[in-house]
Amino acid sequence: MVERDRSAQAYWSANLRIITGCLIVWVIVSLGFGVVLAPWLNNFHIAGYPLGFFFAHQGAIYTFIILIFFYAWRMNRLDREFDVDEI
């Protein structure tokens, strides 16, 4: 029983590290690039649009979609590692 509790705690700890990393990326892209660094990023252009504008509108969305797929992939790997996968 104690071994199972340790395993569950290690699993949850690893899950929290993944979530924390995803949230850090989310904050950097949405708040950092889209708001705080937007004036500086606007000196650069992608397809004729200022880079700060791009991150605030399109770049953040692309990053969020990538984060969703990364989280699903990483959690599937973690589930297999702790032998709690569904398949």
PDB file of N, CA and C in Angstrom:
ATOM      1  N   MET A   1       0.820  -1.191   0.000  1.00  0.00           N
ATOM      2  CA  MET A   1       0.000   0.000   0.000  1.00  0.00           C
ATOM      3  C   MET A   1       0.868   1.259   0.000  1.00  0.00           C
ATOM      4  N   VAL A   2       1.952   1.223   0.770  1.00  0.00           N
ATOM      5  CA  VAL A   2       2.844   2.376   0.843  1.00  0.00           C
ATOM      6  C   VAL A   2       3.523   2.607  -0.504  1.00  0.00           C
ATOM      7  N   GLU A   3       3.912   1.530  -1.166  1.00  0.00           N
ATOM      8  CA  GLU A   3       4.542   1.647  -2.485  1.00  0.00           C
ATOM      9  C   GLU A   3       3.584   2.270  -3.489  1.00  0.00           C
ATOM     10  N   ARG A   4       2.321   1.878  -3.417  1.00  0.00           N
ATOM     11  CA  ARG A   4       1.316   2.438  -4.327  1.00  0.00           C
ATOM     12  C   ARG A   4       1.119   3.929  -4.066  1.00  0.00           C
ATOM     13  N   ASP A   5       1.130   4.344  -2.791  1.00  0.00           N
ATOM     14  CA  ASP A   5       0.998   5.761  -2.449  1.00  0.00           C
ATOM     15  C   ASP A   5       2.176   6.559  -2.981  1.00  0.00           C
ATOM     16  N   ARG A   6       3.375   6.006  -2.874  1.00  0.00           N
ATOM     17  CA  ARG A   6       4.566   6.683  -3.393  1.00  0.00           C
ATOM     18  C   ARG A   6       4.498   6.805  -4.905  1.00  0.00           C
ATOM     19  N   SER A   7       4.029   5.755  -5.554  1.00  0.00           N
ATOM     20  CA  SER A   7       3.899   5.776  -6.999  1.00  0.00           C
ATOM     21  C   SER A   7       2.871   6.815  -7.437  1.00  0.00           C
ATOM     22  N   ALA A   8       1.753   6.874  -6.729  1.00  0.00           N
ATOM     23  CA  ALA A   8       0.722   7.858  -7.051  1.00  0.00           C
ATOM     24  C   ALA A   8       1.237   9.269  -6.819  1.00  0.00           C
ATOM     25  N   GLN A   9       2.001   9.453  -5.763  1.00  0.00           N
ATOM     26  CA  GLN A   9       2.565  10.773  -5.480  1.00  0.00           C
ATOM     27  C   GLN A   9       3.604  11.164  -6.532  1.00  0.00           C
ATOM     28  N   ALA A  10       4.418  10.221  -6.954  1.00  0.00           N
ATOM     29  CA  ALA A  10       5.406  10.500  -8.001  1.00  0.00           C
ATOM     30  C   ALA A  10       4.720  10.815  -9.324  1.00  0.00           C
ATOM     31  N   TYR A  11       3.648  10.093  -9.623  1.00  0.00           N
ATOM     32  CA  TYR A  11       2.877  10.348 -10.846  1.00  0.00           C
ATOM     33  C   TYR A  11       2.284  11.755 -10.817  1.00  0.00           C
ATOM     34  N   TRP A  12       1.664  12.111  -9.694  1.00  0.00           N
ATOM     35  CA  TRP A  12       1.045  13.426  -9.575  1.00  0.00           C
ATOM     36  C   TRP A  12       2.104  14.533  -9.631  1.00  0.00           C
ATOM     37  N   SER A  13       3.241  14.306  -9.011  1.00  0.00           N
ATOM     38  CA  SER A  13       4.323  15.284  -9.049  1.00  0.00           C
ATOM     39  C   SER A  13       4.826  15.507 -10.479  1.00  0.00           C
ATOM     40  N   ALA A  14       4.977  14.422 -11.231  1.00  0.00           N
ATOM     41  CA  ALA A  14       5.400  14.537 -12.628  1.00  0.00           C
ATOM     42  C   ALA A  14       4.339  15.252 -13.454  1.00  0.00           C
ATOM     43  N   ASN A  15       3.068  14.955 -13.185  1.00  0.00           N
ATOM     44  CA  ASN A  15       1.972  15.620 -13.885  1.00  0.00           C
ATOM     45  C   ASN A  15       2.001  17.128 -13.603  1.00  0.00           C
ATOM     46  N   LEU A  16       2.213  17.519 -12.359  1.00  0.00           N
ATOM     47  CA  LEU A  16       2.276  18.936 -12.013  1.00  0.00           C
ATOM     48  C   LEU A  16       3.454  19.640 -12.682  1.00  0.00           C
ATOM     49  N   ARG A  17       4.570  18.943 -12.839  1.00  0.00           N
ATOM     50  CA  ARG A  17       5.714  19.543 -13.538  1.00  0.00           C
ATOM     51  C   ARG A  17       5.378  19.805 -15.001  1.00  0.00           C
ATOM     52  N   ILE A  18       4.687  18.873 -15.629  1.00  0.00           N
ATOM     53  CA  ILE A  18       4.277  19.058 -17.032  1.00  0.00           C
ATOM     54  C   ILE A  18       3.308  20.232 -17.145  1.00  0.00           C
ATOM     55  N   ILE A  19       2.323  20.274 -16.266  1.00  0.00           N
ATOM     56  CA  ILE A  19       1.342  21.366 -16.285  1.00  0.00           C
ATOM     57  C   ILE A  19       2.031  22.706 -16.037  1.00  0.00           C
ATOM     58  N   THR A  20       2.943  22.755 -15.081  1.00  0.00           N
ATOM     59  CA  THR A  20       3.661  23.993 -14.782  1.00  0.00           C
ATOM     60  C   THR A  20       4.457  24.464 -15.987  1.00  0.00           C
ATOM     61  N   GLY A  21       5.141  23.556 -16.649  1.00  0.00           N
ATOM     62  CA  GLY A  21       5.897  23.925 -17.845  1.00  0.00           C
ATOM     63  C   GLY A  21       5.001  24.468 -18.942  1.00  0.00           C
ATOM     64  N   CYS A  22       3.861  23.829 -19.154  1.00  0.00           N
ATOM     65  CA  CYS A  22       2.902  24.307 -20.176  1.00  0.00           C
ATOM     66  C   CYS A  22       2.362  25.684 -19.803  1.00  0.00           C
ATOM     67  N   LEU A  23       2.061  25.897 -18.530  1.00  0.00           N
ATOM     68  CA  LEU A  23       1.554  27.198 -18.105  1.00  0.00           C
ATOM     69  C   LEU A  23       2.601  28.293 -18.247  1.00  0.00           C
ATOM     70  N   ILE A  24       3.848  27.969 -17.990  1.00  0.00           N
ATOM     71  CA  ILE A  24       4.924  28.952 -18.160  1.00  0.00           C
ATOM     72  C   ILE A  24       5.035  29.363 -19.621  1.00  0.00           C
ATOM     73  N   VAL A  25       5.000  28.392 -20.512  1.00  0.00           N
ATOM     74  CA  VAL A  25       5.042  28.709 -21.949  1.00  0.00           C
ATOM     75  C   VAL A  25       3.831  29.551 -22.328  1.00  0.00           C
ATOM     76  N   TRP A  26       2.655  29.181 -21.821  1.00  0.00           N
ATOM     77  CA  TRP A  26       1.430  29.914 -22.117  1.00  0.00           C
ATOM     78  C   TRP A  26       1.535  31.376 -21.681  1.00  0.00           C
ATOM     79  N   VAL A  27       2.040  31.618 -20.472  1.00  0.00           N
ATOM     80  CA  VAL A  27       2.179  32.990 -19.965  1.00  0.00           C
ATOM     81  C   VAL A  27       3.202  33.769 -20.784  1.00  0.00           C
ATOM     82  N   ILE A  28       4.327  33.153 -21.103  1.00  0.00           N
ATOM     83  CA  ILE A  28       5.358  33.844 -21.875  1.00  0.00           C
ATOM     84  C   ILE A  28       4.824  34.254 -23.240  1.00  0.00           C
ATOM     85  N   VAL A  29       4.134  33.349 -23.904  1.00  0.00           N
ATOM     86  CA  VAL A  29       3.649  33.649 -25.255  1.00  0.00           C
ATOM     87  C   VAL A  29       2.497  34.649 -25.226  1.00  0.00           C
ATOM     88  N   SER A  30       1.499  34.398 -24.385  1.00  0.00           N
ATOM     89  CA  SER A  30       0.318  35.265 -24.421  1.00  0.00           C
ATOM     90  C   SER A  30       0.569  36.616 -23.771  1.00  0.00           C
ATOM     91  N   LEU A  31       1.105  36.642 -22.571  1.00  0.00           N
ATOM     92  CA  LEU A  31       1.327  37.896 -21.874  1.00  0.00           C
ATOM     93  C   LEU A  31       2.652  38.535 -22.279  1.00  0.00           C
ATOM     94  N   GLY A  32       3.695  37.713 -22.342  1.00  0.00           N
ATOM     95  CA  GLY A  32       5.015  38.253 -22.665  1.00  0.00           C
ATOM     96  C   GLY A  32       5.116  38.765 -24.087  1.00  0.00           C
ATOM     97  N   PHE A  33       4.917  37.877 -25.057  1.00  0.00           N
ATOM     98  CA  PHE A  33       5.064  38.261 -26.465  1.00  0.00           C
ATOM     99  C   PHE A  33       3.888  39.083 -26.963  1.00  0.00           C
ATOM    100  N   GLY A  34       2.690  38.765 -26.496  1.00  0.00           N
ATOM    101  CA  GLY A  34       1.499  39.434 -27.002  1.00  0.00           C
ATOM    102  C   GLY A  34       1.237  40.800 -26.409  1.00  0.00           C
ATOM    103  N   VAL A  35       1.736  41.061 -25.183  1.00  0.00           N
ATOM    104  CA  VAL A  35       1.439  42.332 -24.514  1.00  0.00           C
ATOM    105  C   VAL A  35       2.711  43.077 -24.128  1.00  0.00           C
ATOM    106  N   VAL A  36       3.525  42.480 -23.280  1.00  0.00           N
ATOM    107  CA  VAL A  36       4.681  43.175 -22.706  1.00  0.00           C
ATOM    108  C   VAL A  36       5.744  43.475 -23.762  1.00  0.00           C
ATOM    109  N   LEU A  37       6.101  42.497 -24.566  1.00  0.00           N
ATOM    110  CA  LEU A  37       7.163  42.684 -25.562  1.00  0.00           C
ATOM    111  C   LEU A  37       6.629  43.096 -26.932  1.00  0.00           C
ATOM    112  N   ALA A  38       5.325  43.322 -27.045  1.00  0.00           N
ATOM    113  CA  ALA A  38       4.722  43.657 -28.343  1.00  0.00           C
ATOM    114  C   ALA A  38       5.334  44.896 -28.986  1.00  0.00           C
ATOM    115  N   PRO A  39       5.558  45.988 -28.247  1.00  0.00           N
ATOM    116  CA  PRO A  39       6.153  47.159 -28.912  1.00  0.00           C
ATOM    117  C   PRO A  39       7.533  46.867 -29.515  1.00  0.00           C
ATOM    118  N   TRP A  40       8.339  46.104 -28.812  1.00  0.00           N
ATOM    119  CA  TRP A  40       9.662  45.766 -29.341  1.00  0.00           C
ATOM    120  C   TRP A  40       9.547  44.791 -30.512  1.00  0.00           C
ATOM    121  N   LEU A  41       8.660  43.801 -30.381  1.00  0.00           N
ATOM    122  CA  LEU A  41       8.482  42.818 -31.445  1.00  0.00           C
ATOM    123  C   LEU A  41       7.883  43.435 -32.709  1.00  0.00           C
ATOM    124  N   ASN A  42       7.196  44.549 -32.568  1.00  0.00           N
ATOM    125  CA  ASN A  42       6.591  45.200 -33.732  1.00  0.00           C
ATOM    126  C   ASN A  42       7.635  45.766 -34.686  1.00  0.00           C
ATOM    127  N   ASN A  43       8.897  45.780 -34.295  1.00  0.00           N
ATOM    128  CA  ASN A  43       9.977  46.195 -35.195  1.00  0.00           C
ATOM    129  C   ASN A  43      10.247  45.139 -36.268  1.00  0.00           C
ATOM    130  N   PHE A  44       9.757  43.936 -36.048  1.00  0.00           N
ATOM    131  CA  PHE A  44       9.938  42.829 -36.986  1.00  0.00           C
ATOM    132  C   PHE A  44       8.589  42.502 -37.612  1.00  0.00           C
ATOM    133  N   HIS A  45       8.621  41.948 -38.822  1.00  0.00           N
ATOM    134  CA  HIS A  45       7.380  41.676 -39.532  1.00  0.00           C
ATOM    135  C   HIS A  45       7.347  40.240 -40.062  1.00  0.00           C
ATOM    136  N   ILE A  46       6.141  39.679 -40.065  1.00  0.00           N
ATOM    137  CA  ILE A  46       5.874  38.378 -40.681  1.00  0.00           C
ATOM    138  C   ILE A  46       4.736  38.603 -41.670  1.00  0.00           C
ATOM    139  N   ALA A  47       4.992  38.334 -42.922  1.00  0.00           N
ATOM    140  CA  ALA A  47       3.996  38.495 -43.987  1.00  0.00           C
ATOM    141  C   ALA A  47       3.373  39.893 -43.973  1.00  0.00           C
ATOM    142  N   GLY A  48       4.176  40.883 -43.660  1.00  0.00           N
ATOM    143  CA  GLY A  48       3.703  42.259 -43.670  1.00  0.00           C
ATOM    144  C   GLY A  48       3.063  42.734 -42.379  1.00  0.00           C
ATOM    145  N   TYR A  49       2.886  41.840 -41.405  1.00  0.00           N
ATOM    146  CA  TYR A  49       2.273  42.218 -40.140  1.00  0.00           C
ATOM    147  C   TYR A  49       3.343  42.325 -39.052  1.00  0.00           C
ATOM    148  N   PRO A  50       3.194  43.276 -38.135  1.00  0.00           N
ATOM    149  CA  PRO A  50       4.149  43.378 -37.023  1.00  0.00           C
ATOM    150  C   PRO A  50       4.145  42.092 -36.189  1.00  0.00           C
ATOM    151  N   LEU A  51       5.312  41.680 -35.742  1.00  0.00           N
ATOM    152  CA  LEU A  51       5.444  40.419 -35.009  1.00  0.00           C
ATOM    153  C   LEU A  51       4.660  40.434 -33.702  1.00  0.00           C
ATOM    154  N   GLY A  52       4.613  41.567 -32.998  1.00  0.00           N
ATOM    155  CA  GLY A  52       3.820  41.663 -31.767  1.00  0.00           C
ATOM    156  C   GLY A  52       2.347  41.422 -32.031  1.00  0.00           C
ATOM    157  N   PHE A  53       1.845  41.982 -33.107  1.00  0.00           N
ATOM    158  CA  PHE A  53       0.446  41.766 -33.526  1.00  0.00           C
ATOM    159  C   PHE A  53       0.222  40.299 -33.853  1.00  0.00           C
ATOM    160  N   PHE A  54       1.182  39.688 -34.562  1.00  0.00           N
ATOM    161  CA  PHE A  54       1.075  38.283 -34.928  1.00  0.00           C
ATOM    162  C   PHE A  54       0.971  37.407 -33.683  1.00  0.00           C
ATOM    163  N   PHE A  55       1.857  37.636 -32.694  1.00  0.00           N
ATOM    164  CA  PHE A  55       1.821  36.817 -31.479  1.00  0.00           C
ATOM    165  C   PHE A  55       0.532  37.039 -30.698  1.00  0.00           C
ATOM    166  N   ALA A  56       0.043  38.281 -30.656  1.00  0.00           N
ATOM    167  CA  ALA A  56      -1.170  38.564 -29.892  1.00  0.00           C
ATOM    168  C   ALA A  56      -2.385  37.899 -30.513  1.00  0.00           C
ATOM    169  N   HIS A  57      -2.383  37.699 -31.839  1.00  0.00           N
ATOM    170  CA  HIS A  57      -3.578  37.179 -32.483  1.00  0.00           C
ATOM    171  C   HIS A  57      -3.431  35.753 -33.008  1.00  0.00           C
ATOM    172  N   GLN A  58      -2.388  35.469 -33.728  1.00  0.00           N
ATOM    173  CA  GLN A  58      -2.235  34.148 -34.334  1.00  0.00           C
ATOM    174  C   GLN A  58      -1.210  33.281 -33.611  1.00  0.00           C
ATOM    175  N   GLY A  59      -0.079  33.846 -33.271  1.00  0.00           N
ATOM    176  CA  GLY A  59       0.999  33.071 -32.664  1.00  0.00           C
ATOM    177  C   GLY A  59       0.594  32.406 -31.368  1.00  0.00           C
ATOM    178  N   ALA A  60      -0.183  33.127 -30.547  1.00  0.00           N
ATOM    179  CA  ALA A  60      -0.634  32.559 -29.281  1.00  0.00           C
ATOM    180  C   ALA A  60      -1.559  31.365 -29.524  1.00  0.00           C
ATOM    181  N   ILE A  61      -2.437  31.478 -30.506  1.00  0.00           N
ATOM    182  CA  ILE A  61      -3.351  30.375 -30.810  1.00  0.00           C
ATOM    183  C   ILE A  61      -2.578  29.152 -31.290  1.00  0.00           C
ATOM    184  N   TYR A  62      -1.619  29.366 -32.189  1.00  0.00           N
ATOM    185  CA  TYR A  62      -0.799  28.243 -32.664  1.00  0.00           C
ATOM    186  C   TYR A  62      -0.047  27.595 -31.505  1.00  0.00           C
ATOM    187  N   THR A  63       0.489  28.417 -30.625  1.00  0.00           N
ATOM    188  CA  THR A  63       1.228  27.886 -29.475  1.00  0.00           C
ATOM    189  C   THR A  63       0.302  27.087 -28.566  1.00  0.00           C
ATOM    190  N   PHE A  64      -0.919  27.559 -28.330  1.00  0.00           N
ATOM    191  CA  PHE A  64      -1.856  26.840 -27.479  1.00  0.00           C
ATOM    192  C   PHE A  64      -2.208  25.481 -28.079  1.00  0.00           C
ATOM    193  N   ILE A  65      -2.401  25.426 -29.380  1.00  0.00           N
ATOM    194  CA  ILE A  65      -2.700  24.153 -30.044  1.00  0.00           C
ATOM    195  C   ILE A  65      -1.520  23.197 -29.898  1.00  0.00           C
ATOM    196  N   ILE A  66      -0.312  23.709 -30.078  1.00  0.00           N
ATOM    197  CA  ILE A  66       0.892  22.886 -29.899  1.00  0.00           C
ATOM    198  C   ILE A  66       0.978  22.389 -28.462  1.00  0.00           C
ATOM    199  N   LEU A  67       0.658  23.250 -27.486  1.00  0.00           N
ATOM    200  CA  LEU A  67       0.685  22.844 -26.081  1.00  0.00           C
ATOM    201  C   LEU A  67      -0.320  21.732 -25.793  1.00  0.00           C
ATOM    202  N   ILE A  68      -1.482  21.782 -26.417  1.00  0.00           N
ATOM    203  CA  ILE A  68      -2.482  20.732 -26.221  1.00  0.00           C
ATOM    204  C   ILE A  68      -1.943  19.394 -26.699  1.00  0.00           C
ATOM    205  N   PHE A  69      -1.363  19.371 -27.901  1.00  0.00           N
ATOM    206  CA  PHE A  69      -0.815  18.124 -28.426  1.00  0.00           C
ATOM    207  C   PHE A  69       0.394  17.659 -27.616  1.00  0.00           C
ATOM    208  N   PHE A  70       1.231  18.597 -27.178  1.00  0.00           N
ATOM    209  CA  PHE A  70       2.384  18.235 -26.350  1.00  0.00           C
ATOM    210  C   PHE A  70       1.928  17.610 -25.034  1.00  0.00           C
ATOM    211  N   TYR A  71       0.933  18.231 -24.390  1.00  0.00           N
ATOM    212  CA  TYR A  71       0.448  17.713 -23.116  1.00  0.00           C
ATOM    213  C   TYR A  71      -0.131  16.304 -23.279  1.00  0.00           C
ATOM    214  N   ALA A  72      -0.918  16.093 -24.316  1.00  0.00           N
ATOM    215  CA  ALA A  72      -1.498  14.768 -24.556  1.00  0.00           C
ATOM    216  C   ALA A  72      -0.404  13.737 -24.803  1.00  0.00           C
ATOM    217  N   TRP A  73       0.586  14.089 -25.636  1.00  0.00           N
ATOM    218  CA  TRP A  73       1.687  13.172 -25.926  1.00  0.00           C
ATOM    219  C   TRP A  73       2.484  12.859 -24.664  1.00  0.00           C
ATOM    220  N   ARG A  74       2.805  13.909 -23.893  1.00  0.00           N
ATOM    221  CA  ARG A  74       3.634  13.721 -22.693  1.00  0.00           C
ATOM    222  C   ARG A  74       2.884  12.933 -21.621  1.00  0.00           C
ATOM    223  N   MET A  75       1.580  13.164 -21.462  1.00  0.00           N
ATOM    224  CA  MET A  75       0.807  12.427 -20.468  1.00  0.00           C
ATOM    225  C   MET A  75       0.638  10.970 -20.873  1.00  0.00           C
ATOM    226  N   ASN A  76       0.490  10.683 -22.159  1.00  0.00           N
ATOM    227  CA  ASN A  76       0.442   9.288 -22.602  1.00  0.00           C
ATOM    228  C   ASN A  76       1.739   8.579 -22.257  1.00  0.00           C
ATOM    229  N   ARG A  77       2.850   9.263 -22.465  1.00  0.00           N
ATOM    230  CA  ARG A  77       4.158   8.688 -22.121  1.00  0.00           C
ATOM    231  C   ARG A  77       4.276   8.465 -20.613  1.00  0.00           C
ATOM    232  N   LEU A  78       3.811   9.444 -19.841  1.00  0.00           N
ATOM    233  CA  LEU A  78       3.860   9.322 -18.380  1.00  0.00           C
ATOM    234  C   LEU A  78       2.950   8.192 -17.902  1.00  0.00           C
ATOM    235  N   ASP A  79       1.783   8.056 -18.503  1.00  0.00           N
ATOM    236  CA  ASP A  79       0.873   6.959 -18.142  1.00  0.00           C
ATOM    237  C   ASP A  79       1.526   5.601 -18.388  1.00  0.00           C
ATOM    238  N   ARG A  80       2.209   5.459 -19.519  1.00  0.00           N
ATOM    239  CA  ARG A  80       2.904   4.191 -19.796  1.00  0.00           C
ATOM    240  C   ARG A  80       4.038   3.963 -18.800  1.00  0.00           C
ATOM    241  N   GLU A  81       4.729   5.021 -18.440  1.00  0.00           N
ATOM    242  CA  GLU A  81       5.840   4.903 -17.493  1.00  0.00           C
ATOM    243  C   GLU A  81       5.358   4.406 -16.130  1.00  0.00           C
ATOM    244  N   PHE A  82       4.189   4.873 -15.682  1.00  0.00           N
ATOM    245  CA  PHE A  82       3.654   4.480 -14.384  1.00  0.00           C
ATOM    246  C   PHE A  82       2.637   3.337 -14.501  1.00  0.00           C
ATOM    247  N   ASP A  83       2.509   2.777 -15.688  1.00  0.00           N
ATOM    248  CA  ASP A  83       1.637   1.639 -15.944  1.00  0.00           C
ATOM    249  C   ASP A  83       0.179   1.921 -15.572  1.00  0.00           C
ATOM    250  N   VAL A  84      -0.293   3.093 -15.968  1.00  0.00           N
ATOM    251  CA  VAL A  84      -1.699   3.452 -15.768  1.00  0.00           C
ATOM    252  C   VAL A  84      -2.360   3.800 -17.100  1.00  0.00           C
ATOM    253  N   ASP A  85      -1.730   3.380 -18.194  1.00  0.00           N
ATOM    254  CA  ASP A  85      -2.292   3.681 -19.501  1.00  0.00           C
ATOM    255  C   ASP A  85      -3.523   2.826 -19.750  1.00  0.00           C
ATOM    256  N   GLU A  86      -4.345   3.284 -20.665  1.00  0.00           N
ATOM    257  CA  GLU A  86      -5.614   2.623 -20.934  1.00  0.00           C
ATOM    258  C   GLU A  86      -5.491   1.450 -21.881  1.00  0.00           C
ATOM    259  N   ILE A  87      -4.429   1.400 -22.646  1.00  0.00           N
ATOM    260  CA  ILE A  87      -4.280   0.341 -23.656  1.00  0.00           C
ATOM    261  C   ILE A  87      -3.346  -0.727 -23.138  1.00  0.00           C
TER     262      ILE A  87
END
